[in-house]
Amino acid sequence: MAIHFSKEQYAPLRATYRQWWDGELDRPIVPIETHGHPSAVACSGPLLAFPNAWDFSIDPREYVEAFDTAMDSHRWHGEAFPLFRTTAFGPGTLAAFLGCTPQSAPQTVWFHPPRKDMPIEELHFEFDDQNPYYRRVHNLFEAAMDKWRGRVVVGMVDMGGILDVLQSFRGAENLLMALYDDPDEVLRCVRELQEMWFLYFGKLNAILEGETQGYSHWYGMYHERPGYILQSDFSYMISPDMFKTFVAPELSSSADQLHHAVYHMDGIGEIPH
């Protein structure tokens, strides 16, 4: 194991973040990660990245071993901690778990629906433990815990905002029209997707329980217990009234189910909300 960060170092990190989350820390969080320190070994394996995350010819254990080797030259200071990011599976990975097909690109992943222009009333979302994309992430989480036994925080995949995931199935224009034409169906889909969101979120976190020293996500914040950064990038395109109807209730109830939550505002189009 090449990670130069002990389990004992998490105790002060937890204490500091606990104060910060409670609004009792009189300074900002300052995470500093340095690299280029003398390394005993050279990294030759495939590091998890957007172009290769969904390459099923690569065993998930290879990503873990490559990361472990690469981190031999890294050190963590202040409130920094070793974080194995899984952002490379793409923004809105829940869409893949529910039937979309991921298409990797150099800097992102796109999710294509199983059927174009499917009427919204025919969309239904159910948990599938054998979905190949879910199994790939599941196996990666297991490999990470087998290797590091909790010394490295395994970041949650970018689950995506609820309407953002729905947009993967419907397309932006069709979903915008559905807000007018089929609002009850949109709200039904929001409820189903939120249920699936927390089901998959819980299943993946269950793999980490017991030995993990903390939790994190694509934004890199530390959580003592499962937390997340919520979002609704789709809301950039809708009015404040529609936000109150289709987004705000879900965000509120989702935040209530998380130990700590923050919100990612995706640009000036969300300021009116």
Protein backbone atom coordinates (compact mmCIF):
# COMPACT_ATOMS: atom_id res chain seq x y z
CA MET A 1 0.00 0.00 0.00
CA ALA A 2 1.51 3.30 -1.13
CA ILE A 3 -0.87 5.74 0.59
CA HIS A 4 1.01 7.97 3.05
CA PHE A 5 -1.98 8.74 5.24
CA SER A 6 -2.87 6.76 8.35
CA LYS A 7 -6.28 6.01 9.83
CA GLU A 8 -5.21 8.00 12.91
CA GLN A 9 -4.95 11.15 10.79
CA TYR A 10 -8.70 11.06 10.17
CA ALA A 11 -9.55 11.86 13.82
CA PRO A 12 -8.49 15.55 13.71
CA LEU A 13 -9.92 15.83 10.18
CA ARG A 14 -13.32 14.65 11.43
CA ALA A 15 -13.21 17.04 14.36
CA THR A 16 -12.39 20.04 12.17
CA TYR A 17 -15.05 19.23 9.58
CA ARG A 18 -17.59 18.64 12.33
CA GLN A 19 -16.97 22.17 13.60
CA TRP A 20 -17.16 23.53 10.05
CA TRP A 21 -20.45 21.81 9.24
CA ASP A 22 -21.87 23.09 12.53
CA GLY A 23 -20.79 26.65 11.76
CA GLU A 24 -18.42 26.71 14.72
CA LEU A 25 -15.06 26.87 12.92
CA ASP A 26 -13.60 30.38 12.88
CA ARG A 27 -11.69 29.84 9.64
CA PRO A 28 -12.20 28.24 6.23
CA ILE A 29 -11.47 24.64 5.40
CA VAL A 30 -7.99 24.54 3.82
CA PRO A 31 -7.18 21.30 1.96
CA ILE A 32 -3.72 21.15 0.38
CA GLU A 33 -2.45 18.18 -1.61
CA THR A 34 1.14 18.17 -2.84
CA HIS A 35 2.69 15.80 -5.34
CA GLY A 36 6.09 15.11 -6.80
CA HIS A 37 7.53 13.66 -3.61
CA PRO A 38 10.05 10.83 -4.08
CA SER A 39 8.18 7.75 -5.19
CA ALA A 40 9.28 4.17 -4.74
CA VAL A 41 7.44 2.88 -7.79
CA ALA A 42 6.26 4.16 -11.16
CA CYS A 43 2.59 4.04 -12.10
CA SER A 44 1.95 1.99 -15.22
CA GLY A 45 -1.68 0.91 -14.80
CA PRO A 46 -4.86 2.60 -16.07
CA LEU A 47 -5.99 5.50 -13.89
CA LEU A 48 -9.76 5.89 -13.80
CA ALA A 49 -10.72 8.58 -16.33
CA PHE A 50 -13.63 9.63 -18.53
CA PRO A 51 -12.38 7.80 -21.66
CA ASN A 52 -11.89 4.43 -19.91
CA ALA A 53 -14.37 4.31 -17.01
CA TRP A 54 -16.88 2.23 -18.97
CA ASP A 55 -14.24 0.08 -20.70
CA PHE A 56 -15.28 -3.37 -19.51
CA SER A 57 -11.99 -4.86 -20.68
CA ILE A 58 -10.37 -3.19 -17.66
CA ASP A 59 -10.86 -4.95 -14.35
CA PRO A 60 -11.94 -2.45 -11.63
CA ARG A 61 -9.06 -3.69 -9.49
CA GLU A 62 -6.65 -2.28 -12.07
CA TYR A 63 -7.95 1.25 -11.44
CA VAL A 64 -7.47 0.78 -7.71
CA GLU A 65 -3.92 -0.54 -8.05
CA ALA A 66 -2.97 2.26 -10.44
CA PHE A 67 -4.33 4.92 -8.10
CA ASP A 68 -2.54 3.39 -5.13
CA THR A 69 0.75 3.44 -7.01
CA ALA A 70 0.22 7.01 -8.27
CA MET A 71 -0.48 8.26 -4.74
CA ASP A 72 2.96 7.16 -3.53
CA SER A 73 4.26 10.60 -4.53
CA HIS A 74 1.37 12.53 -2.92
CA ARG A 75 1.03 14.03 0.56
CA TRP A 76 -2.02 15.56 2.27
CA HIS A 77 -1.96 18.68 4.45
CA GLY A 78 -4.47 20.75 6.38
CA GLU A 79 -7.93 19.35 5.73
CA ALA A 80 -6.89 17.34 2.67
CA PHE A 81 -7.34 13.57 2.64
CA PRO A 82 -6.78 10.76 0.12
CA LEU A 83 -9.88 10.61 -2.06
CA PHE A 84 -10.50 8.05 -4.79
CA ARG A 85 -12.77 10.03 -7.09
CA THR A 86 -15.27 8.20 -9.28
CA THR A 87 -16.43 11.26 -11.21
CA ALA A 88 -15.18 9.62 -14.41
CA PHE A 89 -18.35 7.54 -14.67
CA GLY A 90 -20.04 10.74 -15.78
CA PRO A 91 -22.47 13.39 -14.55
CA GLY A 92 -25.76 11.66 -13.84
CA THR A 93 -24.52 8.08 -13.51
CA LEU A 94 -27.92 7.10 -12.11
CA ALA A 95 -29.20 7.23 -15.71
CA ALA A 96 -26.90 4.32 -16.60
CA PHE A 97 -28.09 2.32 -13.59
CA LEU A 98 -31.67 2.77 -14.83
CA GLY A 99 -31.23 1.82 -18.48
CA CYS A 100 -29.36 4.53 -20.39
CA THR A 101 -26.19 3.66 -22.30
CA PRO A 102 -23.08 5.69 -21.42
CA GLN A 103 -20.88 7.08 -24.17
CA SER A 104 -17.44 8.16 -23.01
CA ALA A 105 -15.75 11.32 -24.26
CA PRO A 106 -12.37 12.89 -23.38
CA GLN A 107 -13.83 15.17 -20.67
CA THR A 108 -17.30 13.81 -19.91
CA VAL A 109 -19.80 11.01 -20.44
CA TRP A 110 -23.11 11.21 -22.31
CA PHE A 111 -26.07 8.98 -21.48
CA HIS A 112 -28.33 7.79 -24.29
CA PRO A 113 -31.87 6.54 -23.58
CA PRO A 114 -32.87 2.95 -24.39
CA ARG A 115 -35.51 4.34 -26.75
CA LYS A 116 -35.78 7.81 -28.25
CA ASP A 117 -38.95 9.87 -27.82
CA MET A 118 -40.50 7.40 -25.39
CA PRO A 119 -43.76 8.93 -24.10
CA ILE A 120 -43.27 10.10 -20.56
CA GLU A 121 -46.19 8.03 -19.31
CA GLU A 122 -44.29 4.90 -20.39
CA LEU A 123 -41.23 5.79 -18.34
CA HIS A 124 -40.93 3.81 -15.12
CA PHE A 125 -37.84 3.38 -12.99
CA GLU A 126 -37.01 0.27 -10.99
CA PHE A 127 -33.98 -1.04 -9.11
CA ASP A 128 -31.95 -3.61 -11.03
CA ASP A 129 -29.16 -5.22 -9.02
CA GLN A 130 -27.85 -6.91 -12.18
CA ASN A 131 -27.63 -3.80 -14.34
CA PRO A 132 -24.11 -4.10 -15.86
CA TYR A 133 -23.24 -0.46 -15.26
CA TYR A 134 -24.29 -0.62 -11.63
CA ARG A 135 -22.36 -3.87 -11.19
CA ARG A 136 -19.22 -2.20 -12.57
CA VAL A 137 -19.40 0.62 -10.02
CA HIS A 138 -20.37 -1.84 -7.28
CA ASN A 139 -17.33 -4.01 -8.09
CA LEU A 140 -15.04 -0.97 -8.10
CA PHE A 141 -16.26 0.07 -4.64
CA GLU A 142 -15.62 -3.46 -3.37
CA ALA A 143 -12.14 -3.51 -4.90
CA ALA A 144 -11.31 -0.17 -3.29
CA MET A 145 -12.41 -1.35 0.14
CA ASP A 146 -10.53 -4.64 -0.24
CA LYS A 147 -7.36 -2.72 -1.06
CA TRP A 148 -7.45 0.18 1.38
CA ARG A 149 -9.69 -1.05 4.20
CA GLY A 150 -10.99 2.49 4.62
CA ARG A 151 -7.70 4.41 4.61
CA VAL A 152 -8.73 6.06 1.34
CA VAL A 153 -12.14 7.74 1.11
CA VAL A 154 -14.06 6.31 -1.86
CA GLY A 155 -15.99 9.15 -3.47
CA MET A 156 -19.59 8.59 -4.51
CA VAL A 157 -20.28 8.59 -8.25
CA ASP A 158 -21.86 11.72 -9.69
CA MET A 159 -25.44 10.51 -9.26
CA GLY A 160 -26.89 13.60 -10.95
CA GLY A 161 -29.83 15.84 -10.23
CA ILE A 162 -33.28 14.28 -10.53
CA LEU A 163 -34.49 16.35 -13.49
CA ASP A 164 -31.03 16.07 -15.04
CA VAL A 165 -31.37 12.28 -15.04
CA LEU A 166 -34.90 12.53 -16.40
CA GLN A 167 -33.53 14.73 -19.17
CA SER A 168 -31.21 11.88 -20.17
CA PHE A 169 -34.28 9.77 -20.88
CA ARG A 170 -36.47 12.46 -22.47
CA GLY A 171 -34.12 15.06 -23.94
CA ALA A 172 -34.16 18.71 -22.87
CA GLU A 173 -36.80 19.98 -25.31
CA ASN A 174 -39.22 17.12 -24.69
CA LEU A 175 -38.87 17.47 -20.93
CA LEU A 176 -39.43 21.23 -21.09
CA MET A 177 -42.62 20.66 -23.04
CA ALA A 178 -43.73 18.00 -20.57
CA LEU A 179 -43.62 20.56 -17.75
CA TYR A 180 -46.52 22.24 -19.55
CA ASP A 181 -48.28 19.27 -21.14
CA ASP A 182 -47.81 16.49 -18.56
CA PRO A 183 -46.90 18.03 -15.20
CA ASP A 184 -48.39 15.14 -13.21
CA GLU A 185 -46.30 12.62 -15.15
CA VAL A 186 -43.17 14.70 -14.59
CA LEU A 187 -43.86 14.76 -10.85
CA ARG A 188 -44.44 11.00 -10.87
CA CYS A 189 -41.08 10.49 -12.57
CA VAL A 190 -39.44 12.82 -10.06
CA ARG A 191 -40.80 10.72 -7.19
CA GLU A 192 -39.69 7.44 -8.78
CA LEU A 193 -36.24 8.79 -9.63
CA GLN A 194 -35.73 10.18 -6.15
CA GLU A 195 -36.59 6.78 -4.69
CA MET A 196 -34.08 5.10 -7.04
CA TRP A 197 -31.48 7.78 -6.30
CA PHE A 198 -31.49 6.99 -2.59
CA LEU A 199 -31.74 3.25 -3.14
CA TYR A 200 -28.59 3.12 -5.27
CA PHE A 201 -26.90 5.71 -3.05
CA GLY A 202 -27.59 3.52 -0.03
CA LYS A 203 -26.46 0.31 -1.73
CA LEU A 204 -23.10 1.81 -2.67
CA ASN A 205 -22.57 3.39 0.73
CA ALA A 206 -23.34 0.04 2.36
CA ILE A 207 -20.20 -1.35 0.72
CA LEU A 208 -18.15 1.29 2.55
CA GLU A 209 -19.76 0.97 5.97
CA GLY A 210 -17.76 -0.55 8.80
CA GLU A 211 -14.24 0.35 7.74
CA THR A 212 -14.50 3.66 5.89
CA GLN A 213 -13.06 6.73 7.60
CA GLY A 214 -15.49 9.03 5.81
CA TYR A 215 -17.51 9.82 2.72
CA SER A 216 -17.21 12.26 -0.15
CA HIS A 217 -18.35 12.97 -3.72
CA TRP A 218 -17.34 14.76 -6.90
CA TYR A 219 -16.90 18.10 -5.09
CA GLY A 220 -14.35 16.60 -2.71
CA MET A 221 -15.88 17.67 0.61
CA TYR A 222 -15.45 15.39 3.62
CA HIS A 223 -18.51 13.88 5.34
CA GLU A 224 -18.37 11.91 8.55
CA ARG A 225 -21.56 10.17 7.50
CA PRO A 226 -23.14 9.93 4.03
CA GLY A 227 -23.75 13.39 2.61
CA TYR A 228 -23.91 14.78 -0.88
CA ILE A 229 -23.87 17.82 -3.14
CA LEU A 230 -27.34 18.23 -4.65
CA GLN A 231 -28.08 19.93 -7.94
CA SER A 232 -30.59 20.62 -10.68
CA ASP A 233 -28.71 21.87 -13.72
CA PHE A 234 -31.92 21.50 -15.75
CA SER A 235 -33.47 24.28 -13.65
CA TYR A 236 -31.24 26.77 -15.48
CA MET A 237 -33.91 26.67 -18.21
CA ILE A 238 -37.12 27.05 -16.19
CA SER A 239 -38.96 29.78 -14.30
CA PRO A 240 -38.94 30.30 -10.51
CA ASP A 241 -42.56 29.12 -10.39
CA MET A 242 -41.66 25.89 -12.15
CA PHE A 243 -38.66 25.52 -9.85
CA LYS A 244 -41.00 25.72 -6.85
CA THR A 245 -43.21 23.01 -8.36
CA PHE A 246 -40.77 20.52 -9.90
CA VAL A 247 -37.46 21.03 -8.08
CA ALA A 248 -37.63 22.67 -4.65
CA PRO A 249 -39.78 19.98 -2.90
CA GLU A 250 -37.43 17.21 -4.06
CA LEU A 251 -34.33 19.14 -3.01
CA SER A 252 -35.80 19.81 0.41
CA SER A 253 -36.79 16.20 1.04
CA SER A 254 -33.47 14.91 -0.34
CA ALA A 255 -31.52 17.22 1.95
CA ASP A 256 -33.58 15.93 4.88
CA GLN A 257 -32.39 12.39 4.11
CA LEU A 258 -28.69 13.28 4.06
CA HIS A 259 -26.39 13.84 7.01
CA HIS A 260 -25.16 17.06 5.39
CA ALA A 261 -26.04 18.56 2.03
CA VAL A 262 -24.82 21.45 -0.07
CA TYR A 263 -26.20 22.74 -3.37
CA HIS A 264 -24.34 23.12 -6.66
CA MET A 265 -25.71 26.12 -8.57
CA ASP A 266 -24.87 25.61 -12.22
CA GLY A 267 -24.55 29.17 -13.46
CA ILE A 268 -26.38 32.49 -13.49
CA GLY A 269 -29.55 30.97 -14.94
CA GLU A 270 -30.31 29.55 -11.50
CA ILE A 271 -29.95 32.85 -9.63
CA PRO A 272 -33.67 33.77 -10.06
CA HIS A 273 -34.65 30.68 -8.08
